Every structure is written in C-alpha cells, then in structure tokens.
Amino acid sequence: MSVVTRFAPSPTGRLHVGNIRTALHNWLLAHKAGGRFLLRIDDTDAERSREEYVEAIKADLAWLGLGWDGEERQSACFALYQRKFDELAAAGRIYRCYETAQELELKRKVLLGRGLPPIYDRAALALTEADHAEFAAKGVAPHWRFLLDREVPIEWHDGVRGHQRFEPATLSDPVVRRADGSWLYMLPSAIDDIEMGVTDVLRGEDHVSNTALQIQMFTALGAPPPRFAHEALLVGNEGKLSKRLGSLGSDAFRERGIEPAALVALLARLGTSQPVEPIADRAVLVESFDLATFGRAPARFDETELERLNAAMLHQASYAEVAERLPAGMGEDAWLAIRPNLANLGEAAEWWRVVTGPIEQGEFDEADRTYLAEAARLLVWSDDPWPALTAALKQETGRKGRDLFHPLRLALTGKDSGPDMKALLPLIGEAEARARLERASGL
C-alpha cells in the first residue's frame, strides 16, 4: 500500500514554526516511502478563514521546498460531510443535545467534586421525540455528539509513542456539529482522510486524545483508521511552551536572513536522536528520516542553533546556488572570498560595498600614516598582491603581527576584521587599493 500523508492547516493565520515542522515531517515521511504528500486546507470556519492566509500557506510551503502532490479544501466537501452525517445519524452513532455551555460547566464541576471523570453524562439520550419537538417549538437547535462505543478499549500502535490504550468510558462523547450547523474538527477530518486515501497521520502529541475518538469514527464510517504517530511539541529555550514560537513564521525567518535549507535541516531532526547538521541535500534528510528516532521529550527550538546552522549552510553554498540573490557585479571569486564571514546572505551586500567603495577609514596616528604611505609606495600588483605587499613592508619597516596587518586592513576596508585580505585585495583592485592607502596616509 502506497504511503499517503497530509498537512492540514487552517487558514486563520500564518504558519508558525510548529506548523512548519509538522508539514516537513509529513513530507519526509511520504518521500521516504516513495508516496504522496497532500495539502488539505481546513477552512470549515468560515468566519475566521481568509483567502490571503491560504495563499500565504502555499507560498511558505513553496519557499521551504515542500511541494504537494494533491490539494483539497474542506469548504468544498460540505455535501460529503452531510451525507456521512446522515448515515451516522441513521445508524444511531450521533445524537442531538441541547445543554448550554453553562449547564455543561455545572455538570463538570459536580462530577469533579465527587472525584469522578468530568465527562458528558449522556442525558440527551433519554430525550423522547416529544422532547425534541418541544425544543424545536421553542426555537432551540441541537448540537450533535458522536456516540462512543464504551464496551471496547481503544488501542493502537503509535509510530512515536508505542502502544496506546484509552478506556472510552473515561471519555466524553465529542461534539461534532454545532447548533448553527457548522462543523467541528474531528468528524470532517476523519471523513477527509478516508476520501483522500490517507494512510499515515503524523501530528503533535496534543492530538493523542483526539486520535482515540477518531479511531471509533473511522470504524463507524466503515473504514480502517490510518497509522498514527504523535510527535513531541516544540518548546523554547526556557523549557516550556513559548508564545514566541507561535509568532515565529516564514516571514520572520526571511526577515532575519534565514535560509529555508537551514530551517529544514534543523526541523527535520529536532526531537530525534539524530544529530542536527548543515545538510543541504534534501535526499539525505529523506533517507535518514525514521520515526523510530523520535523521542518523547519536548523538542527544544533554539534560535541560536538555527543561526549557527544558517551560517554553516552559507559557508558551504556554491556560487551557483546563490548567484541570483547576490549584488549586481558580484562574481564567484567575490563570493568565495566573502562567504566565510557571512551569518546571513544579506551581509554579502555589505561586504561587496567594502570592495566597491566608498568606505569610511577612520583616523590614524602619525606613525600609521607614515606606514600606510610606505605601503602605497611598495604596492606592486600581481596575481597575488597581498603576501607580496606584507612581505615588502615587513622587510622595509620591521613591523610584524597586528602592527603589520591591522592598519592595512583598516585603510583598505574600513573594518577591524573580515574576509581574508589575500582574497579581498585582488577584488578591490590596484588603483582603488593604492588610492585608499594614500588617502589614509594623508597624501
């Protein structure tokens, strides 16, 4: 059986780093098995869903290189949901309820006070048709619950958590449809997974109890449930769920100059026993993806680690990989000279301005001005001018170490540190280099 996974975001906002990790892992799981990765837009919430978020989700996935093999939208499936809903109602697996939120809260408090599980008491099952007619006459519409089979434990083998067992007697019959006719998440999701042929559902551990309920829904709908796996949630450096993680999305990463390959390399292995490495080759990440390596401990998302990984990815990137995003006129020699100093690609423009000028040189004392005038005089151009210049200056002036190199770097680049001058000086060029030395010397 071919593996089919899905990513099912709600278009009520932008993707955050947790969503991105879920999408990536489902993409990797499908590609590892040579299967299909589907995108499902869960837009049943008409009031909060926005088309601009749909487009933003697709743009973010494209930026990350997570192409999808098929697309569905829940808003196009309402007729299907209604048909399945009617079948379940006819089979007695969903039933009408009328309690208000306040009444349900009071029931929960009473049960908790008695030391009992705060689950729905199924009082609505005792209602007669006359009772339903009376509610209708008063204009009170029902909400609908799925009737759990409480006789048989709910069990499955979880791809991350291992054997799972829930006693349905400790679970509330879940509400699947509101009084206004709108749908809650769980039943449409199960129907969609059946219709889309989804074989594997990989999602966060906060859905474990939902899975227990949905397994019975799959059975009631006459379909085998998919394989489920629930991965640990992301936490911040402070060791707990962070509101900041909910705001970290592709836009924030792009603004900070994070390469999509770096984000993918980090999230692919975050929460696993495999080392996080600057792996740009997506095929390597696919081949090494293995649910057996996922741990139960919360996965710690470290922005500092992401920045370190981002720099490492840039330091190994070829000119061809970045050429279209470099400043005009910046060639391969310049890229190779500058890339070891980059934390993000945006810094390439700053170093290119150092090459092309003009630069701010700062002030030099009299001894250094004299030294730089000598440097301008001794500068002889060749294929490798930097070692020739420093060797001549060392012999002529007796300077060495920092006294030899630092004034030259400041005069030629305006910076205390940076790319190797052996690679940078040929990019600056003979005329400009001599002009900068002379200007710094006061000539």
Protein backbone atom coordinates (compact mmCIF):
# COMPACT_ATOMS: atom_id res chain seq x y z
CA MET A 1 0.00 0.00 0.00
CA SER A 2 1.42 3.36 -1.04
CA VAL A 3 2.01 5.83 1.78
CA VAL A 4 -0.15 8.97 1.69
CA THR A 5 0.36 11.73 4.24
CA ARG A 6 -1.29 15.10 4.57
CA PHE A 7 -0.72 18.53 6.04
CA ALA A 8 -4.00 20.15 7.08
CA PRO A 9 -3.59 23.79 8.20
CA SER A 10 -6.49 26.08 9.00
CA PRO A 11 -6.23 29.35 7.03
CA THR A 12 -6.95 31.51 10.07
CA GLY A 13 -3.39 32.85 10.30
CA ARG A 14 0.15 32.37 9.09
CA LEU A 15 2.11 29.17 9.58
CA HIS A 16 4.36 29.17 12.65
CA VAL A 17 7.43 27.07 13.30
CA GLY A 18 5.42 24.23 14.86
CA ASN A 19 3.17 24.00 11.79
CA ILE A 20 6.22 24.06 9.54
CA ARG A 21 7.79 21.17 11.44
CA THR A 22 4.61 19.10 11.10
CA ALA A 23 4.40 19.80 7.36
CA LEU A 24 8.07 18.92 6.89
CA HIS A 25 7.86 15.64 8.78
CA ASN A 26 4.81 14.55 6.80
CA TRP A 27 6.62 15.49 3.59
CA LEU A 28 9.68 13.50 4.64
CA LEU A 29 7.58 10.51 5.71
CA ALA A 30 5.85 10.39 2.33
CA HIS A 31 9.02 10.86 0.30
CA LYS A 32 10.93 8.25 2.33
CA ALA A 33 8.31 5.69 1.26
CA GLY A 34 8.01 6.97 -2.31
CA GLY A 35 4.44 8.01 -1.51
CA ARG A 36 2.33 11.16 -1.79
CA PHE A 37 2.14 14.29 0.33
CA LEU A 38 -1.21 16.09 0.20
CA LEU A 39 -2.25 19.59 1.25
CA ARG A 40 -5.68 19.95 2.80
CA ILE A 41 -6.98 23.40 3.67
CA ASP A 42 -9.20 23.02 6.74
CA ASP A 43 -11.42 26.03 6.11
CA THR A 44 -14.69 24.96 7.74
CA ASP A 45 -14.51 28.03 9.99
CA ALA A 46 -15.99 30.49 7.52
CA GLU A 47 -15.77 33.47 9.87
CA ARG A 48 -12.03 33.18 10.57
CA SER A 49 -10.72 31.63 7.35
CA ARG A 50 -9.13 34.06 4.89
CA GLU A 51 -8.06 33.50 1.30
CA GLU A 52 -4.91 35.54 1.87
CA TYR A 53 -3.86 33.01 4.50
CA VAL A 54 -4.43 30.18 2.04
CA GLU A 55 -2.08 31.87 -0.41
CA ALA A 56 0.41 32.62 2.36
CA ILE A 57 0.44 28.96 3.46
CA LYS A 58 1.13 27.84 -0.10
CA ALA A 59 3.85 30.47 -0.51
CA ASP A 60 5.52 29.36 2.73
CA LEU A 61 5.50 25.70 1.69
CA ALA A 62 6.94 26.64 -1.69
CA TRP A 63 9.68 28.71 -0.04
CA LEU A 64 10.59 25.68 2.07
CA GLY A 65 10.63 23.42 -0.97
CA LEU A 66 7.73 21.29 0.31
CA GLY A 67 5.78 20.64 -2.86
CA TRP A 68 2.48 18.77 -2.57
CA ASP A 69 1.01 16.07 -4.79
CA GLY A 70 -2.64 16.97 -4.40
CA GLU A 71 -4.84 19.57 -2.76
CA GLU A 72 -8.26 19.52 -1.11
CA ARG A 73 -10.39 22.14 0.62
CA GLN A 74 -12.88 21.28 3.31
CA SER A 75 -15.22 24.06 2.23
CA ALA A 76 -15.78 22.10 -1.00
CA CYS A 77 -16.80 18.96 0.90
CA PHE A 78 -19.87 20.06 2.85
CA ALA A 79 -22.20 17.85 0.79
CA LEU A 80 -19.99 14.85 1.56
CA TYR A 81 -19.96 15.68 5.27
CA GLN A 82 -23.76 15.97 5.28
CA ARG A 83 -24.17 12.59 3.60
CA LYS A 84 -21.87 10.85 6.08
CA PHE A 85 -23.53 12.72 8.95
CA ASP A 86 -26.94 11.45 7.85
CA GLU A 87 -25.60 7.88 7.65
CA LEU A 88 -24.18 8.08 11.18
CA ALA A 89 -27.44 9.57 12.50
CA ALA A 90 -29.44 6.78 10.90
CA ALA A 91 -27.10 4.24 12.49
CA GLY A 92 -27.55 5.85 15.92
CA ARG A 93 -23.90 6.93 16.19
CA ILE A 94 -24.64 10.65 16.57
CA TYR A 95 -27.34 12.22 18.70
CA ARG A 96 -28.93 15.56 19.49
CA CYS A 97 -28.10 17.52 22.65
CA TYR A 98 -29.32 20.86 24.00
CA GLU A 99 -27.30 21.72 27.11
CA THR A 100 -25.87 25.23 27.24
CA ALA A 101 -22.22 25.89 27.97
CA GLN A 102 -23.16 27.00 31.47
CA GLU A 103 -25.13 23.80 32.14
CA LEU A 104 -22.26 21.64 30.92
CA GLU A 105 -19.79 23.54 33.11
CA LEU A 106 -22.00 22.98 36.15
CA LYS A 107 -22.15 19.25 35.40
CA ARG A 108 -18.38 19.11 35.13
CA LYS A 109 -17.93 20.84 38.47
CA VAL A 110 -20.33 18.43 40.17
CA LEU A 111 -18.51 15.41 38.79
CA LEU A 112 -15.12 16.78 39.77
CA GLY A 113 -16.44 17.48 43.22
CA ARG A 114 -17.39 13.81 43.50
CA GLY A 115 -13.97 12.71 42.30
CA LEU A 116 -15.38 11.41 39.02
CA PRO A 117 -14.15 11.97 35.43
CA PRO A 118 -15.74 15.20 34.14
CA ILE A 119 -17.35 13.57 31.10
CA TYR A 120 -20.72 14.15 29.50
CA ASP A 121 -23.45 12.11 31.24
CA ARG A 122 -25.37 11.30 28.04
CA ALA A 123 -28.55 12.81 29.48
CA ALA A 124 -29.70 13.72 25.96
CA LEU A 125 -30.03 10.05 25.04
CA ALA A 126 -33.07 9.88 27.32
CA LEU A 127 -34.93 12.56 25.38
CA THR A 128 -38.05 11.50 23.54
CA GLU A 129 -39.24 12.71 20.15
CA ALA A 130 -41.75 14.81 22.02
CA ASP A 131 -38.87 16.45 23.92
CA HIS A 132 -37.08 17.20 20.66
CA ALA A 133 -40.27 18.65 19.22
CA GLU A 134 -40.64 20.88 22.26
CA PHE A 135 -37.10 22.23 21.86
CA ALA A 136 -37.80 22.86 18.18
CA ALA A 137 -41.01 24.70 19.01
CA LYS A 138 -39.01 26.97 21.30
CA GLY A 139 -36.52 27.63 18.50
CA VAL A 140 -33.71 25.76 20.26
CA ALA A 141 -31.49 23.96 17.75
CA PRO A 142 -29.48 20.93 18.86
CA HIS A 143 -25.79 20.35 18.77
CA TRP A 144 -24.68 16.85 17.88
CA ARG A 145 -22.41 14.38 19.66
CA PHE A 146 -20.74 11.22 18.40
CA LEU A 147 -21.77 8.19 20.45
CA LEU A 148 -18.69 6.32 21.61
CA ASP A 149 -18.72 2.57 22.00
CA ARG A 150 -17.77 2.25 25.65
CA GLU A 151 -17.55 -1.53 25.68
CA VAL A 152 -14.19 -1.99 23.96
CA PRO A 153 -10.90 -0.25 24.83
CA ILE A 154 -9.44 1.96 22.10
CA GLU A 155 -5.95 0.78 21.21
CA TRP A 156 -3.38 1.47 18.53
CA HIS A 157 0.34 1.32 17.94
CA ASP A 158 1.65 4.85 17.75
CA GLY A 159 4.63 5.44 15.46
CA VAL A 160 6.34 7.55 18.15
CA ARG A 161 4.66 6.73 21.46
CA GLY A 162 4.29 2.97 21.03
CA HIS A 163 1.23 1.11 22.32
CA GLN A 164 -1.65 3.39 23.27
CA ARG A 165 -4.80 2.43 25.16
CA PHE A 166 -7.80 4.54 26.13
CA GLU A 167 -10.87 3.46 28.06
CA PRO A 168 -13.81 5.06 26.25
CA ALA A 169 -15.79 5.10 29.49
CA THR A 170 -13.45 7.88 30.65
CA LEU A 171 -14.05 9.98 27.52
CA SER A 172 -16.86 12.36 26.66
CA ASP A 173 -18.88 11.79 23.52
CA PRO A 174 -17.36 14.55 21.35
CA VAL A 175 -19.46 17.30 19.84
CA VAL A 176 -19.13 17.02 16.06
CA ARG A 177 -21.55 19.72 14.92
CA ARG A 178 -22.66 22.97 16.49
CA ALA A 179 -26.21 24.20 16.81
CA ASP A 180 -25.68 26.62 13.93
CA GLY A 181 -24.82 23.70 11.64
CA SER A 182 -21.09 24.38 11.48
CA TRP A 183 -18.62 21.53 11.82
CA LEU A 184 -16.03 20.89 14.49
CA TYR A 185 -12.67 19.45 13.55
CA MET A 186 -12.77 15.73 14.21
CA LEU A 187 -15.53 14.23 12.05
CA PRO A 188 -14.77 16.16 8.82
CA SER A 189 -11.08 15.35 9.30
CA ALA A 190 -11.80 11.61 9.55
CA ILE A 191 -14.10 11.74 6.53
CA ASP A 192 -11.46 13.60 4.52
CA ASP A 193 -8.71 11.16 5.49
CA ILE A 194 -10.86 8.31 4.19
CA GLU A 195 -11.78 10.08 0.96
CA MET A 196 -8.18 11.22 0.32
CA GLY A 197 -6.77 7.75 0.98
CA VAL A 198 -4.53 8.99 3.80
CA THR A 199 -2.56 6.07 5.23
CA ASP A 200 -0.41 7.88 7.82
CA VAL A 201 -1.27 10.75 10.13
CA LEU A 202 1.74 12.36 11.81
CA ARG A 203 0.88 15.23 14.14
CA GLY A 204 1.57 16.75 17.55
CA GLU A 205 1.06 14.88 20.80
CA ASP A 206 -1.69 17.32 21.73
CA HIS A 207 -3.90 15.32 19.35
CA VAL A 208 -3.48 11.95 21.11
CA SER A 209 -6.89 12.03 22.79
CA ASN A 210 -8.46 13.21 19.51
CA THR A 211 -6.97 10.15 17.84
CA ALA A 212 -8.68 7.87 20.36
CA LEU A 213 -12.03 9.43 19.47
CA GLN A 214 -11.36 9.46 15.73
CA ILE A 215 -10.42 5.78 15.66
CA GLN A 216 -14.01 4.99 16.60
CA MET A 217 -15.23 7.43 13.96
CA PHE A 218 -13.24 5.61 11.27
CA THR A 219 -14.81 2.33 12.38
CA ALA A 220 -18.30 3.84 12.41
CA LEU A 221 -17.69 5.15 8.87
CA GLY A 222 -16.71 1.65 7.75
CA ALA A 223 -13.04 2.38 7.11
CA PRO A 224 -9.80 1.20 8.73
CA PRO A 225 -8.01 4.01 10.58
CA PRO A 226 -4.69 5.25 9.21
CA ARG A 227 -1.44 4.67 11.05
CA PHE A 228 -1.00 7.37 13.68
CA ALA A 229 2.14 8.93 15.13
CA HIS A 230 2.27 11.80 17.60
CA GLU A 231 5.50 13.76 17.98
CA ALA A 232 6.54 15.84 20.97
CA LEU A 233 5.69 19.52 20.80
CA LEU A 234 8.23 22.30 20.40
CA VAL A 235 9.36 24.29 23.41
CA GLY A 236 11.56 27.36 23.67
CA ASN A 237 14.88 27.74 25.45
CA GLU A 238 13.08 28.43 28.70
CA GLY A 239 11.92 24.81 28.67
CA LYS A 240 8.21 25.41 28.29
CA LEU A 241 5.77 26.17 25.53
CA SER A 242 6.56 29.65 24.34
CA LYS A 243 4.18 32.23 22.93
CA ARG A 244 7.08 33.38 20.81
CA LEU A 245 7.09 30.06 18.94
CA GLY A 246 3.54 30.81 17.89
CA SER A 247 4.68 34.01 16.20
CA LEU A 248 7.79 32.64 14.52
CA GLY A 249 6.87 32.01 10.91
CA SER A 250 8.40 32.09 7.46
CA ASP A 251 8.14 35.89 7.26
CA ALA A 252 10.12 36.29 10.48
CA PHE A 253 12.76 33.84 9.29
CA ARG A 254 13.05 35.54 5.90
CA GLU A 255 13.41 38.96 7.52
CA ARG A 256 16.31 37.62 9.60
CA GLY A 257 18.01 36.16 6.53
CA ILE A 258 17.43 32.53 7.45
CA GLU A 259 17.86 30.18 4.52
CA PRO A 260 14.97 27.74 4.02
CA ALA A 261 17.51 24.90 3.77
CA ALA A 262 18.82 25.77 7.24
CA LEU A 263 15.34 25.78 8.76
CA VAL A 264 14.55 22.46 7.08
CA ALA A 265 17.83 20.90 8.26
CA LEU A 266 17.09 21.92 11.85
CA LEU A 267 13.42 20.96 11.99
CA ALA A 268 13.96 17.66 10.15
CA ARG A 269 15.88 16.25 13.12
CA LEU A 270 14.64 18.34 16.01
CA GLY A 271 13.26 15.98 18.63
CA THR A 272 15.08 12.94 17.26
CA SER A 273 18.22 11.11 18.33
CA GLN A 274 19.94 12.09 15.08
CA PRO A 275 22.44 14.98 15.06
CA VAL A 276 21.36 18.32 13.66
CA GLU A 277 23.80 19.06 10.85
CA PRO A 278 24.05 21.58 7.98
CA ILE A 279 22.64 19.15 5.42
CA ALA A 280 21.58 20.95 2.26
CA ASP A 281 20.91 17.78 0.27
CA ARG A 282 17.21 17.07 0.78
CA ALA A 283 17.71 13.46 -0.34
CA VAL A 284 19.96 12.84 2.68
CA LEU A 285 17.28 14.13 5.06
CA VAL A 286 14.67 11.96 3.35
CA GLU A 287 16.78 8.82 3.52
CA SER A 288 17.65 9.31 7.21
CA PHE A 289 14.10 10.13 8.33
CA ASP A 290 12.91 7.48 10.78
CA LEU A 291 10.07 7.68 13.30
CA ALA A 292 11.98 5.22 15.48
CA THR A 293 14.48 8.01 16.25
CA PHE A 294 11.81 10.37 17.63
CA GLY A 295 11.84 10.87 21.38
CA ARG A 296 9.07 11.57 23.87
CA ALA A 297 10.78 14.58 25.47
CA PRO A 298 9.74 18.06 24.29
CA ALA A 299 11.72 19.22 21.26
CA ARG A 300 13.69 22.34 22.11
CA PHE A 301 13.76 25.00 19.40
CA ASP A 302 16.88 27.15 19.79
CA GLU A 303 17.09 30.25 17.60
CA THR A 304 20.82 30.49 18.25
CA GLU A 305 21.27 26.99 16.90
CA LEU A 306 19.27 27.94 13.82
CA GLU A 307 21.52 30.96 13.21
CA ARG A 308 24.63 28.80 13.62
CA LEU A 309 23.23 26.28 11.17
CA ASN A 310 22.29 29.06 8.76
CA ALA A 311 25.86 30.36 8.71
CA ALA A 312 27.24 26.85 8.21
CA MET A 313 24.90 26.30 5.27
CA LEU A 314 26.05 29.54 3.63
CA HIS A 315 29.70 28.70 4.19
CA GLN A 316 29.29 25.58 2.07
CA ALA A 317 26.96 27.05 -0.57
CA SER A 318 28.26 27.22 -4.11
CA TYR A 319 28.17 30.39 -6.17
CA ALA A 320 25.56 28.85 -8.48
CA GLU A 321 23.21 28.29 -5.55
CA VAL A 322 23.18 31.96 -4.53
CA ALA A 323 24.17 33.89 -7.66
CA GLU A 324 20.68 35.22 -8.38
CA ARG A 325 20.43 36.75 -4.90
CA LEU A 326 23.85 38.42 -4.79
CA PRO A 327 24.51 42.11 -5.52
CA ALA A 328 24.95 43.06 -9.16
CA GLY A 329 28.51 42.58 -10.32
CA MET A 330 29.48 40.20 -7.54
CA GLY A 331 31.15 37.18 -9.13
CA GLU A 332 32.30 33.80 -7.95
CA ASP A 333 35.71 34.99 -6.71
CA ALA A 334 34.00 37.58 -4.53
CA TRP A 335 31.52 35.02 -3.20
CA LEU A 336 34.28 32.59 -2.26
CA ALA A 337 36.18 35.39 -0.53
CA ILE A 338 33.20 36.73 1.40
CA ARG A 339 31.11 33.66 2.31
CA PRO A 340 33.24 32.50 5.32
CA ASN A 341 32.27 35.73 7.09
CA LEU A 342 28.52 35.60 6.48
CA ALA A 343 25.87 34.89 9.09
CA ASN A 344 23.16 35.51 6.51
CA LEU A 345 23.14 36.23 2.80
CA GLY A 346 22.07 39.85 3.28
CA GLU A 347 25.53 40.58 4.69
CA ALA A 348 27.05 39.85 1.27
CA ALA A 349 25.87 43.27 0.08
CA GLU A 350 27.70 44.96 2.97
CA TRP A 351 30.97 43.23 2.10
CA TRP A 352 30.51 43.95 -1.59
CA ARG A 353 30.25 47.65 -0.71
CA VAL A 354 33.60 47.26 1.06
CA VAL A 355 35.02 46.03 -2.23
CA THR A 356 33.38 48.61 -4.50
CA GLY A 357 33.59 51.55 -2.07
CA PRO A 358 33.48 54.20 -0.95
CA ILE A 359 34.48 53.26 2.61
CA GLU A 360 34.88 55.09 5.91
CA GLN A 361 38.50 54.69 7.05
CA GLY A 362 38.57 56.43 10.41
CA GLU A 363 41.58 58.24 11.88
CA PHE A 364 45.23 57.04 12.00
CA ASP A 365 48.08 58.29 14.17
CA GLU A 366 51.20 59.76 12.63
CA ALA A 367 53.19 56.51 12.79
CA ASP A 368 50.49 54.58 10.97
CA ARG A 369 50.03 57.33 8.38
CA THR A 370 53.74 57.13 7.59
CA TYR A 371 53.46 53.34 7.44
CA LEU A 372 50.49 53.50 5.05
CA ALA A 373 52.29 55.97 2.78
CA GLU A 374 55.10 53.41 2.57
CA ALA A 375 52.52 50.72 1.77
CA ALA A 376 51.18 52.80 -1.11
CA ARG A 377 54.72 53.21 -2.45
CA LEU A 378 55.60 49.50 -2.13
CA LEU A 379 52.34 48.17 -3.59
CA VAL A 380 53.26 46.17 -6.67
CA TRP A 381 50.40 44.42 -8.42
CA SER A 382 50.47 40.74 -9.31
CA ASP A 383 48.18 37.72 -9.28
CA ASP A 384 48.72 37.54 -5.51
CA PRO A 385 49.44 41.09 -4.27
CA TRP A 386 48.71 40.74 -0.53
CA PRO A 387 51.61 38.48 0.52
CA ALA A 388 53.99 40.47 -1.70
CA LEU A 389 52.93 43.76 -0.06
CA THR A 390 53.12 42.48 3.52
CA ALA A 391 56.50 40.81 2.92
CA ALA A 392 57.93 44.02 1.49
CA LEU A 393 56.53 46.09 4.37
CA LYS A 394 57.88 43.70 6.97
CA GLN A 395 61.37 43.94 5.47
CA GLU A 396 61.21 47.70 5.00
CA THR A 397 59.62 48.72 8.32
CA GLY A 398 60.33 45.82 10.69
CA ARG A 399 56.71 45.62 11.65
CA LYS A 400 55.08 42.27 12.30
CA GLY A 401 51.87 40.73 13.63
CA ARG A 402 49.00 43.12 14.36
CA ASP A 403 51.16 46.20 13.78
CA LEU A 404 51.88 44.92 10.28
CA PHE A 405 48.41 43.80 9.23
CA HIS A 406 45.82 45.82 11.16
CA PRO A 407 46.49 49.33 9.77
CA LEU A 408 46.41 47.87 6.26
CA ARG A 409 43.04 46.21 6.83
CA LEU A 410 41.58 49.38 8.31
CA ALA A 411 42.86 51.51 5.44
CA LEU A 412 41.74 49.09 2.72
CA THR A 413 38.35 48.02 4.14
CA GLY A 414 37.41 50.38 6.96
CA LYS A 415 36.85 47.27 9.12
CA ASP A 416 38.72 45.76 12.07
CA SER A 417 38.11 42.25 10.79
CA GLY A 418 36.59 40.42 7.90
CA PRO A 419 37.39 38.21 4.94
CA ASP A 420 40.94 37.07 4.25
CA MET A 421 42.82 40.03 2.75
CA LYS A 422 44.66 37.67 0.43
CA ALA A 423 41.32 37.04 -1.30
CA LEU A 424 39.86 40.52 -0.77
CA LEU A 425 42.68 42.72 -2.07
CA PRO A 426 42.53 41.44 -5.69
CA LEU A 427 38.80 42.24 -5.69
CA ILE A 428 39.47 45.82 -4.61
CA GLY A 429 41.92 46.26 -7.47
CA GLU A 430 45.26 48.01 -7.78
CA ALA A 431 44.12 51.58 -8.46
CA GLU A 432 41.49 51.62 -5.73
CA ALA A 433 43.80 49.91 -3.22
CA ARG A 434 46.57 52.47 -3.82
CA ALA A 435 44.07 55.32 -3.61
CA ARG A 436 42.74 54.04 -0.26
CA LEU A 437 46.27 53.69 1.18
CA GLU A 438 47.22 57.17 0.04
CA ARG A 439 44.02 58.70 1.42
CA ALA A 440 44.55 57.01 4.78
CA SER A 441 48.14 58.26 4.89
CA GLY A 442 47.06 61.83 4.26
CA LEU A 443 48.92 62.12 0.93
